[in-house]
Amino acid sequence: VTADQDAIFTPCSYSLTDVQLLQGSSENLVQEIVSFRGRFCDQARVGDLIQASGTVEQAIDRSGHAWHRLLLGNSVADTMFVMR
């Protein structure tokens, strides 16, 4: 986790680096985790190593910049664990 300043809000977000995918295509480099569910808020801190399971989606901002993020909370099977 490289940024956690929005972890206390809903939606919460965590910026990531050095992402390793355990399943799926490695061409979609996930840059952040986002959740609209309170159960994932305030879970990780900068420097934490985490493991998460959810839905990879492409996000596009108003300027057209696109990136991939992991969306947590769409399924009861979604998880996020801090591996301190």
PDB file of N, CA and C in Angstrom:
ATOM      1  N   VAL A   1       0.858  -1.180   0.000  1.00  0.00           N
ATOM      2  CA  VAL A   1       0.000   0.000   0.000  1.00  0.00           C
ATOM      3  C   VAL A   1       0.894   1.230   0.000  1.00  0.00           C
ATOM      4  N   THR A   2       0.672   2.105  -0.984  1.00  0.00           N
ATOM      5  CA  THR A   2       1.493   3.312  -1.078  1.00  0.00           C
ATOM      6  C   THR A   2       0.763   4.574  -0.651  1.00  0.00           C
ATOM      7  N   ALA A   3      -0.575   4.519  -0.559  1.00  0.00           N
ATOM      8  CA  ALA A   3      -1.350   5.671  -0.083  1.00  0.00           C
ATOM      9  C   ALA A   3      -2.628   5.161   0.566  1.00  0.00           C
ATOM     10  N   ASP A   4      -2.959   5.756   1.723  1.00  0.00           N
ATOM     11  CA  ASP A   4      -4.148   5.332   2.459  1.00  0.00           C
ATOM     12  C   ASP A   4      -4.984   6.500   2.961  1.00  0.00           C
ATOM     13  N   GLN A   5      -4.741   7.704   2.436  1.00  0.00           N
ATOM     14  CA  GLN A   5      -5.433   8.887   2.947  1.00  0.00           C
ATOM     15  C   GLN A   5      -6.943   8.847   2.731  1.00  0.00           C
ATOM     16  N   ASP A   6      -7.425   8.040   1.795  1.00  0.00           N
ATOM     17  CA  ASP A   6      -8.865   7.916   1.558  1.00  0.00           C
ATOM     18  C   ASP A   6      -9.425   6.611   2.117  1.00  0.00           C
ATOM     19  N   ALA A   7      -8.675   5.952   2.990  1.00  0.00           N
ATOM     20  CA  ALA A   7      -9.106   4.667   3.549  1.00  0.00           C
ATOM     21  C   ALA A   7     -10.227   4.825   4.574  1.00  0.00           C
ATOM     22  N   ILE A   8     -10.365   6.009   5.170  1.00  0.00           N
ATOM     23  CA  ILE A   8     -11.376   6.202   6.212  1.00  0.00           C
ATOM     24  C   ILE A   8     -12.733   6.602   5.654  1.00  0.00           C
ATOM     25  N   PHE A   9     -12.794   6.893   4.369  1.00  0.00           N
ATOM     26  CA  PHE A   9     -14.033   7.356   3.741  1.00  0.00           C
ATOM     27  C   PHE A   9     -14.768   6.211   3.049  1.00  0.00           C
ATOM     28  N   THR A  10     -16.024   6.469   2.705  1.00  0.00           N
ATOM     29  CA  THR A  10     -16.781   5.559   1.850  1.00  0.00           C
ATOM     30  C   THR A  10     -17.181   6.348   0.617  1.00  0.00           C
ATOM     31  N   PRO A  11     -16.708   6.025  -0.573  1.00  0.00           N
ATOM     32  CA  PRO A  11     -15.868   4.865  -0.887  1.00  0.00           C
ATOM     33  C   PRO A  11     -14.441   5.047  -0.372  1.00  0.00           C
ATOM     34  N   CYS A  12     -13.820   3.949  -0.022  1.00  0.00           N
ATOM     35  CA  CYS A  12     -12.429   3.975   0.411  1.00  0.00           C
ATOM     36  C   CYS A  12     -11.536   3.558  -0.750  1.00  0.00           C
ATOM     37  N   SER A  13     -10.279   3.995  -0.676  1.00  0.00           N
ATOM     38  CA  SER A  13      -9.334   3.579  -1.709  1.00  0.00           C
ATOM     39  C   SER A  13      -7.934   3.461  -1.125  1.00  0.00           C
ATOM     40  N   TYR A  14      -7.166   2.571  -1.722  1.00  0.00           N
ATOM     41  CA  TYR A  14      -5.776   2.332  -1.357  1.00  0.00           C
ATOM     42  C   TYR A  14      -4.963   2.292  -2.646  1.00  0.00           C
ATOM     43  N   SER A  15      -3.932   3.113  -2.747  1.00  0.00           N
ATOM     44  CA  SER A  15      -3.034   3.054  -3.901  1.00  0.00           C
ATOM     45  C   SER A  15      -2.027   1.936  -3.683  1.00  0.00           C
ATOM     46  N   LEU A  16      -1.644   1.274  -4.785  1.00  0.00           N
ATOM     47  CA  LEU A  16      -0.788   0.090  -4.702  1.00  0.00           C
ATOM     48  C   LEU A  16       0.432   0.211  -5.595  1.00  0.00           C
ATOM     49  N   THR A  17       1.451  -0.545  -5.249  1.00  0.00           N
ATOM     50  CA  THR A  17       2.618  -0.730  -6.096  1.00  0.00           C
ATOM     51  C   THR A  17       3.098  -2.169  -5.922  1.00  0.00           C
ATOM     52  N   ASP A  18       3.902  -2.650  -6.844  1.00  0.00           N
ATOM     53  CA  ASP A  18       4.436  -4.024  -6.796  1.00  0.00           C
ATOM     54  C   ASP A  18       3.321  -5.059  -6.683  1.00  0.00           C
ATOM     55  N   VAL A  19       2.313  -4.936  -7.520  1.00  0.00           N
ATOM     56  CA  VAL A  19       1.158  -5.835  -7.495  1.00  0.00           C
ATOM     57  C   VAL A  19       1.506  -7.147  -8.187  1.00  0.00           C
ATOM     58  N   GLN A  20       1.151  -8.255  -7.555  1.00  0.00           N
ATOM     59  CA  GLN A  20       1.304  -9.573  -8.140  1.00  0.00           C
ATOM     60  C   GLN A  20      -0.071 -10.208  -8.202  1.00  0.00           C
ATOM     61  N   LEU A  21      -0.507 -10.561  -9.406  1.00  0.00           N
ATOM     62  CA  LEU A  21      -1.802 -11.207  -9.562  1.00  0.00           C
ATOM     63  C   LEU A  21      -1.656 -12.707  -9.367  1.00  0.00           C
ATOM     64  N   LEU A  22      -2.529 -13.279  -8.557  1.00  0.00           N
ATOM     65  CA  LEU A  22      -2.513 -14.723  -8.325  1.00  0.00           C
ATOM     66  C   LEU A  22      -3.400 -15.450  -9.321  1.00  0.00           C
ATOM     67  N   GLN A  23      -4.387 -14.727  -9.892  1.00  0.00           N
ATOM     68  CA  GLN A  23      -5.265 -15.260 -10.930  1.00  0.00           C
ATOM     69  C   GLN A  23      -5.536 -14.147 -11.928  1.00  0.00           C
ATOM     70  N   GLY A  24      -5.833 -14.538 -13.155  1.00  0.00           N
ATOM     71  CA  GLY A  24      -6.188 -13.564 -14.177  1.00  0.00           C
ATOM     72  C   GLY A  24      -5.005 -13.126 -14.998  1.00  0.00           C
ATOM     73  N   SER A  25      -5.257 -12.146 -15.843  1.00  0.00           N
ATOM     74  CA  SER A  25      -4.270 -11.656 -16.795  1.00  0.00           C
ATOM     75  C   SER A  25      -3.328 -10.652 -16.148  1.00  0.00           C
ATOM     76  N   SER A  26      -2.033 -10.813 -16.386  1.00  0.00           N
ATOM     77  CA  SER A  26      -1.049  -9.889 -15.832  1.00  0.00           C
ATOM     78  C   SER A  26      -0.939  -8.605 -16.644  1.00  0.00           C
ATOM     79  N   GLU A  27      -1.621  -8.530 -17.794  1.00  0.00           N
ATOM     80  CA  GLU A  27      -1.554  -7.308 -18.599  1.00  0.00           C
ATOM     81  C   GLU A  27      -2.373  -6.177 -17.983  1.00  0.00           C
ATOM     82  N   ASN A  28      -3.287  -6.505 -17.090  1.00  0.00           N
ATOM     83  CA  ASN A  28      -4.096  -5.489 -16.416  1.00  0.00           C
ATOM     84  C   ASN A  28      -3.483  -5.186 -15.054  1.00  0.00           C
ATOM     85  N   LEU A  29      -2.508  -4.289 -15.020  1.00  0.00           N
ATOM     86  CA  LEU A  29      -1.831  -3.955 -13.782  1.00  0.00           C
ATOM     87  C   LEU A  29      -2.766  -3.146 -12.886  1.00  0.00           C
ATOM     88  N   VAL A  30      -3.110  -3.709 -11.752  1.00  0.00           N
ATOM     89  CA  VAL A  30      -4.005  -3.060 -10.802  1.00  0.00           C
ATOM     90  C   VAL A  30      -3.225  -1.993 -10.043  1.00  0.00           C
ATOM     91  N   GLN A  31      -3.746  -0.759 -10.028  1.00  0.00           N
ATOM     92  CA  GLN A  31      -3.065   0.356  -9.383  1.00  0.00           C
ATOM     93  C   GLN A  31      -3.688   0.765  -8.059  1.00  0.00           C
ATOM     94  N   GLU A  32      -4.914   0.298  -7.799  1.00  0.00           N
ATOM     95  CA  GLU A  32      -5.561   0.667  -6.543  1.00  0.00           C
ATOM     96  C   GLU A  32      -6.653  -0.327  -6.180  1.00  0.00           C
ATOM     97  N   ILE A  33      -7.045  -0.281  -4.923  1.00  0.00           N
ATOM     98  CA  ILE A  33      -8.205  -1.009  -4.426  1.00  0.00           C
ATOM     99  C   ILE A  33      -9.248   0.026  -4.060  1.00  0.00           C
ATOM    100  N   VAL A  34     -10.501  -0.234  -4.443  1.00  0.00           N
ATOM    101  CA  VAL A  34     -11.616   0.667  -4.136  1.00  0.00           C
ATOM    102  C   VAL A  34     -12.768  -0.165  -3.589  1.00  0.00           C
ATOM    103  N   SER A  35     -13.475   0.399  -2.594  1.00  0.00           N
ATOM    104  CA  SER A  35     -14.667  -0.271  -2.085  1.00  0.00           C
ATOM    105  C   SER A  35     -15.716   0.756  -1.689  1.00  0.00           C
ATOM    106  N   PHE A  36     -16.957   0.443  -2.014  1.00  0.00           N
ATOM    107  CA  PHE A  36     -18.090   1.265  -1.616  1.00  0.00           C
ATOM    108  C   PHE A  36     -18.768   0.685  -0.371  1.00  0.00           C
ATOM    109  N   ARG A  37     -18.131  -0.299   0.246  1.00  0.00           N
ATOM    110  CA  ARG A  37     -18.638  -0.970   1.445  1.00  0.00           C
ATOM    111  C   ARG A  37     -17.779  -0.602   2.648  1.00  0.00           C
ATOM    112  N   GLY A  38     -18.395  -0.303   3.753  1.00  0.00           N
ATOM    113  CA  GLY A  38     -17.693   0.117   4.956  1.00  0.00           C
ATOM    114  C   GLY A  38     -16.776  -0.928   5.554  1.00  0.00           C
ATOM    115  N   ARG A  39     -17.020  -2.195   5.273  1.00  0.00           N
ATOM    116  CA  ARG A  39     -16.197  -3.236   5.903  1.00  0.00           C
ATOM    117  C   ARG A  39     -14.758  -3.255   5.420  1.00  0.00           C
ATOM    118  N   PHE A  40     -14.457  -2.582   4.311  1.00  0.00           N
ATOM    119  CA  PHE A  40     -13.086  -2.522   3.816  1.00  0.00           C
ATOM    120  C   PHE A  40     -12.398  -1.200   4.140  1.00  0.00           C
ATOM    121  N   CYS A  41     -13.103  -0.297   4.800  1.00  0.00           N
ATOM    122  CA  CYS A  41     -12.528   1.001   5.167  1.00  0.00           C
ATOM    123  C   CYS A  41     -11.544   0.849   6.318  1.00  0.00           C
ATOM    124  N   ASP A  42     -10.482   1.642   6.251  1.00  0.00           N
ATOM    125  CA  ASP A  42      -9.508   1.760   7.337  1.00  0.00           C
ATOM    126  C   ASP A  42      -8.895   0.415   7.734  1.00  0.00           C
ATOM    127  N   GLN A  43      -8.605  -0.429   6.742  1.00  0.00           N
ATOM    128  CA  GLN A  43      -8.048  -1.751   7.013  1.00  0.00           C
ATOM    129  C   GLN A  43      -6.526  -1.810   6.876  1.00  0.00           C
ATOM    130  N   ALA A  44      -5.959  -1.039   5.966  1.00  0.00           N
ATOM    131  CA  ALA A  44      -4.523  -1.132   5.692  1.00  0.00           C
ATOM    132  C   ALA A  44      -3.873   0.246   5.799  1.00  0.00           C
ATOM    133  N   ARG A  45      -2.587   0.240   6.016  1.00  0.00           N
ATOM    134  CA  ARG A  45      -1.788   1.461   6.148  1.00  0.00           C
ATOM    135  C   ARG A  45      -0.652   1.447   5.118  1.00  0.00           C
ATOM    136  N   VAL A  46      -0.099   2.622   4.866  1.00  0.00           N
ATOM    137  CA  VAL A  46       1.042   2.733   3.957  1.00  0.00           C
ATOM    138  C   VAL A  46       2.146   1.794   4.435  1.00  0.00           C
ATOM    139  N   GLY A  47       2.684   1.036   3.509  1.00  0.00           N
ATOM    140  CA  GLY A  47       3.743   0.084   3.805  1.00  0.00           C
ATOM    141  C   GLY A  47       3.257  -1.327   4.062  1.00  0.00           C
ATOM    142  N   ASP A  48       1.952  -1.499   4.282  1.00  0.00           N
ATOM    143  CA  ASP A  48       1.409  -2.841   4.514  1.00  0.00           C
ATOM    144  C   ASP A  48       1.428  -3.662   3.243  1.00  0.00           C
ATOM    145  N   LEU A  49       1.675  -4.945   3.400  1.00  0.00           N
ATOM    146  CA  LEU A  49       1.537  -5.933   2.341  1.00  0.00           C
ATOM    147  C   LEU A  49       0.156  -6.541   2.513  1.00  0.00           C
ATOM    148  N   ILE A  50      -0.637  -6.555   1.457  1.00  0.00           N
ATOM    149  CA  ILE A  50      -1.998  -7.070   1.562  1.00  0.00           C
ATOM    150  C   ILE A  50      -2.254  -8.129   0.505  1.00  0.00           C
ATOM    151  N   GLN A  51      -3.265  -8.934   0.779  1.00  0.00           N
ATOM    152  CA  GLN A  51      -3.788  -9.880  -0.205  1.00  0.00           C
ATOM    153  C   GLN A  51      -5.276  -9.609  -0.305  1.00  0.00           C
ATOM    154  N   ALA A  52      -5.773  -9.445  -1.527  1.00  0.00           N
ATOM    155  CA  ALA A  52      -7.176  -9.094  -1.723  1.00  0.00           C
ATOM    156  C   ALA A  52      -7.767  -9.877  -2.884  1.00  0.00           C
ATOM    157  N   SER A  53      -9.070 -10.087  -2.798  1.00  0.00           N
ATOM    158  CA  SER A  53      -9.801 -10.799  -3.834  1.00  0.00           C
ATOM    159  C   SER A  53     -11.070 -10.016  -4.134  1.00  0.00           C
ATOM    160  N   GLY A  54     -11.280  -9.705  -5.408  1.00  0.00           N
ATOM    161  CA  GLY A  54     -12.457  -8.948  -5.817  1.00  0.00           C
ATOM    162  C   GLY A  54     -12.596  -8.956  -7.324  1.00  0.00           C
ATOM    163  N   THR A  55     -13.142  -7.882  -7.852  1.00  0.00           N
ATOM    164  CA  THR A  55     -13.387  -7.753  -9.288  1.00  0.00           C
ATOM    165  C   THR A  55     -12.448  -6.706  -9.875  1.00  0.00           C
ATOM    166  N   VAL A  56     -11.660  -7.089 -10.877  1.00  0.00           N
ATOM    167  CA  VAL A  56     -10.807  -6.121 -11.568  1.00  0.00           C
ATOM    168  C   VAL A  56     -11.665  -5.372 -12.576  1.00  0.00           C
ATOM    169  N   GLU A  57     -11.582  -4.049 -12.530  1.00  0.00           N
ATOM    170  CA  GLU A  57     -12.327  -3.227 -13.473  1.00  0.00           C
ATOM    171  C   GLU A  57     -11.441  -2.117 -14.001  1.00  0.00           C
ATOM    172  N   GLN A  58     -11.812  -1.613 -15.167  1.00  0.00           N
ATOM    173  CA  GLN A  58     -11.110  -0.474 -15.738  1.00  0.00           C
ATOM    174  C   GLN A  58     -11.852   0.784 -15.331  1.00  0.00           C
ATOM    175  N   ALA A  59     -11.110   1.773 -14.844  1.00  0.00           N
ATOM    176  CA  ALA A  59     -11.686   3.068 -14.492  1.00  0.00           C
ATOM    177  C   ALA A  59     -11.150   4.103 -15.470  1.00  0.00           C
ATOM    178  N   ILE A  60     -11.972   5.088 -15.794  1.00  0.00           N
ATOM    179  CA  ILE A  60     -11.581   6.157 -16.711  1.00  0.00           C
ATOM    180  C   ILE A  60     -12.001   7.482 -16.101  1.00  0.00           C
ATOM    181  N   ASP A  61     -11.044   8.417 -15.978  1.00  0.00           N
ATOM    182  CA  ASP A  61     -11.399   9.727 -15.430  1.00  0.00           C
ATOM    183  C   ASP A  61     -11.934  10.643 -16.526  1.00  0.00           C
ATOM    184  N   ARG A  62     -12.333  11.833 -16.171  1.00  0.00           N
ATOM    185  CA  ARG A  62     -12.958  12.761 -17.123  1.00  0.00           C
ATOM    186  C   ARG A  62     -12.042  13.178 -18.271  1.00  0.00           C
ATOM    187  N   SER A  63     -10.732  13.104 -18.040  1.00  0.00           N
ATOM    188  CA  SER A  63      -9.790  13.465 -19.099  1.00  0.00           C
ATOM    189  C   SER A  63      -9.490  12.307 -20.040  1.00  0.00           C
ATOM    190  N   GLY A  64     -10.040  11.120 -19.744  1.00  0.00           N
ATOM    191  CA  GLY A  64      -9.829   9.963 -20.593  1.00  0.00           C
ATOM    192  C   GLY A  64      -8.716   9.044 -20.132  1.00  0.00           C
ATOM    193  N   HIS A  65      -8.030   9.396 -19.050  1.00  0.00           N
ATOM    194  CA  HIS A  65      -6.974   8.539 -18.502  1.00  0.00           C
ATOM    195  C   HIS A  65      -7.602   7.273 -17.918  1.00  0.00           C
ATOM    196  N   ALA A  66      -7.077   6.109 -18.306  1.00  0.00           N
ATOM    197  CA  ALA A  66      -7.633   4.829 -17.864  1.00  0.00           C
ATOM    198  C   ALA A  66      -6.617   4.068 -17.013  1.00  0.00           C
ATOM    199  N   TRP A  67      -7.113   3.306 -16.051  1.00  0.00           N
ATOM    200  CA  TRP A  67      -6.291   2.452 -15.201  1.00  0.00           C
ATOM    201  C   TRP A  67      -7.164   1.312 -14.689  1.00  0.00           C
ATOM    202  N   HIS A  68      -6.535   0.320 -14.089  1.00  0.00           N
ATOM    203  CA  HIS A  68      -7.268  -0.822 -13.535  1.00  0.00           C
ATOM    204  C   HIS A  68      -7.242  -0.765 -12.017  1.00  0.00           C
ATOM    205  N   ARG A  69      -8.349  -1.175 -11.417  1.00  0.00           N
ATOM    206  CA  ARG A  69      -8.452  -1.205  -9.970  1.00  0.00           C
ATOM    207  C   ARG A  69      -9.195  -2.467  -9.546  1.00  0.00           C
ATOM    208  N   LEU A  70      -8.999  -2.842  -8.304  1.00  0.00           N
ATOM    209  CA  LEU A  70      -9.690  -3.990  -7.739  1.00  0.00           C
ATOM    210  C   LEU A  70     -10.856  -3.469  -6.924  1.00  0.00           C
ATOM    211  N   LEU A  71     -12.055  -3.842  -7.316  1.00  0.00           N
ATOM    212  CA  LEU A  71     -13.275  -3.422  -6.631  1.00  0.00           C
ATOM    213  C   LEU A  71     -13.653  -4.487  -5.607  1.00  0.00           C
ATOM    214  N   LEU A  72     -13.792  -4.083  -4.352  1.00  0.00           N
ATOM    215  CA  LEU A  72     -14.180  -4.989  -3.276  1.00  0.00           C
ATOM    216  C   LEU A  72     -15.589  -4.655  -2.814  1.00  0.00           C
ATOM    217  N   GLY A  73     -16.387  -5.698  -2.564  1.00  0.00           N
ATOM    218  CA  GLY A  73     -17.716  -5.495  -2.013  1.00  0.00           C
ATOM    219  C   GLY A  73     -18.850  -5.873  -2.929  1.00  0.00           C
ATOM    220  N   ASN A  74     -18.563  -6.252  -4.163  1.00  0.00           N
ATOM    221  CA  ASN A  74     -19.615  -6.702  -5.072  1.00  0.00           C
ATOM    222  C   ASN A  74     -20.094  -8.103  -4.726  1.00  0.00           C
ATOM    223  N   SER A  75     -19.264  -8.869  -4.057  1.00  0.00           N
ATOM    224  CA  SER A  75     -19.581 -10.246  -3.710  1.00  0.00           C
ATOM    225  C   SER A  75     -19.255 -10.484  -2.234  1.00  0.00           C
ATOM    226  N   VAL A  76     -20.004 -11.363  -1.596  1.00  0.00           N
ATOM    227  CA  VAL A  76     -19.700 -11.709  -0.198  1.00  0.00           C
ATOM    228  C   VAL A  76     -18.372 -12.443  -0.092  1.00  0.00           C
ATOM    229  N   ALA A  77     -17.858 -12.962  -1.212  1.00  0.00           N
ATOM    230  CA  ALA A  77     -16.582 -13.677  -1.227  1.00  0.00           C
ATOM    231  C   ALA A  77     -15.382 -12.728  -1.324  1.00  0.00           C
ATOM    232  N   ASP A  78     -15.600 -11.437  -1.551  1.00  0.00           N
ATOM    233  CA  ASP A  78     -14.504 -10.470  -1.641  1.00  0.00           C
ATOM    234  C   ASP A  78     -13.793 -10.367  -0.293  1.00  0.00           C
ATOM    235  N   THR A  79     -12.465 -10.290  -0.340  1.00  0.00           N
ATOM    236  CA  THR A  79     -11.670 -10.240   0.888  1.00  0.00           C
ATOM    237  C   THR A  79     -10.501  -9.288   0.758  1.00  0.00           C
ATOM    238  N   MET A  80     -10.000  -8.862   1.905  1.00  0.00           N
ATOM    239  CA  MET A  80      -8.745  -8.114   1.974  1.00  0.00           C
ATOM    240  C   MET A  80      -8.096  -8.452   3.315  1.00  0.00           C
ATOM    241  N   PHE A  81      -6.861  -8.972   3.252  1.00  0.00           N
ATOM    242  CA  PHE A  81      -6.125  -9.342   4.435  1.00  0.00           C
ATOM    243  C   PHE A  81      -4.822  -8.553   4.479  1.00  0.00           C
ATOM    244  N   VAL A  82      -4.475  -8.030   5.632  1.00  0.00           N
ATOM    245  CA  VAL A  82      -3.182  -7.374   5.824  1.00  0.00           C
ATOM    246  C   VAL A  82      -2.198  -8.426   6.273  1.00  0.00           C
ATOM    247  N   MET A  83      -1.072  -8.502   5.567  1.00  0.00           N
ATOM    248  CA  MET A  83      -0.040  -9.506   5.831  1.00  0.00           C
ATOM    249  C   MET A  83       1.144  -8.824   6.517  1.00  0.00           C
ATOM    250  N   ARG A  84       0.944  -8.306   7.678  1.00  0.00           N
ATOM    251  CA  ARG A  84       1.986  -7.500   8.359  1.00  0.00           C
ATOM    252  C   ARG A  84       3.171  -8.291   8.676  1.00  0.00           C
TER     253      ARG A  84
END
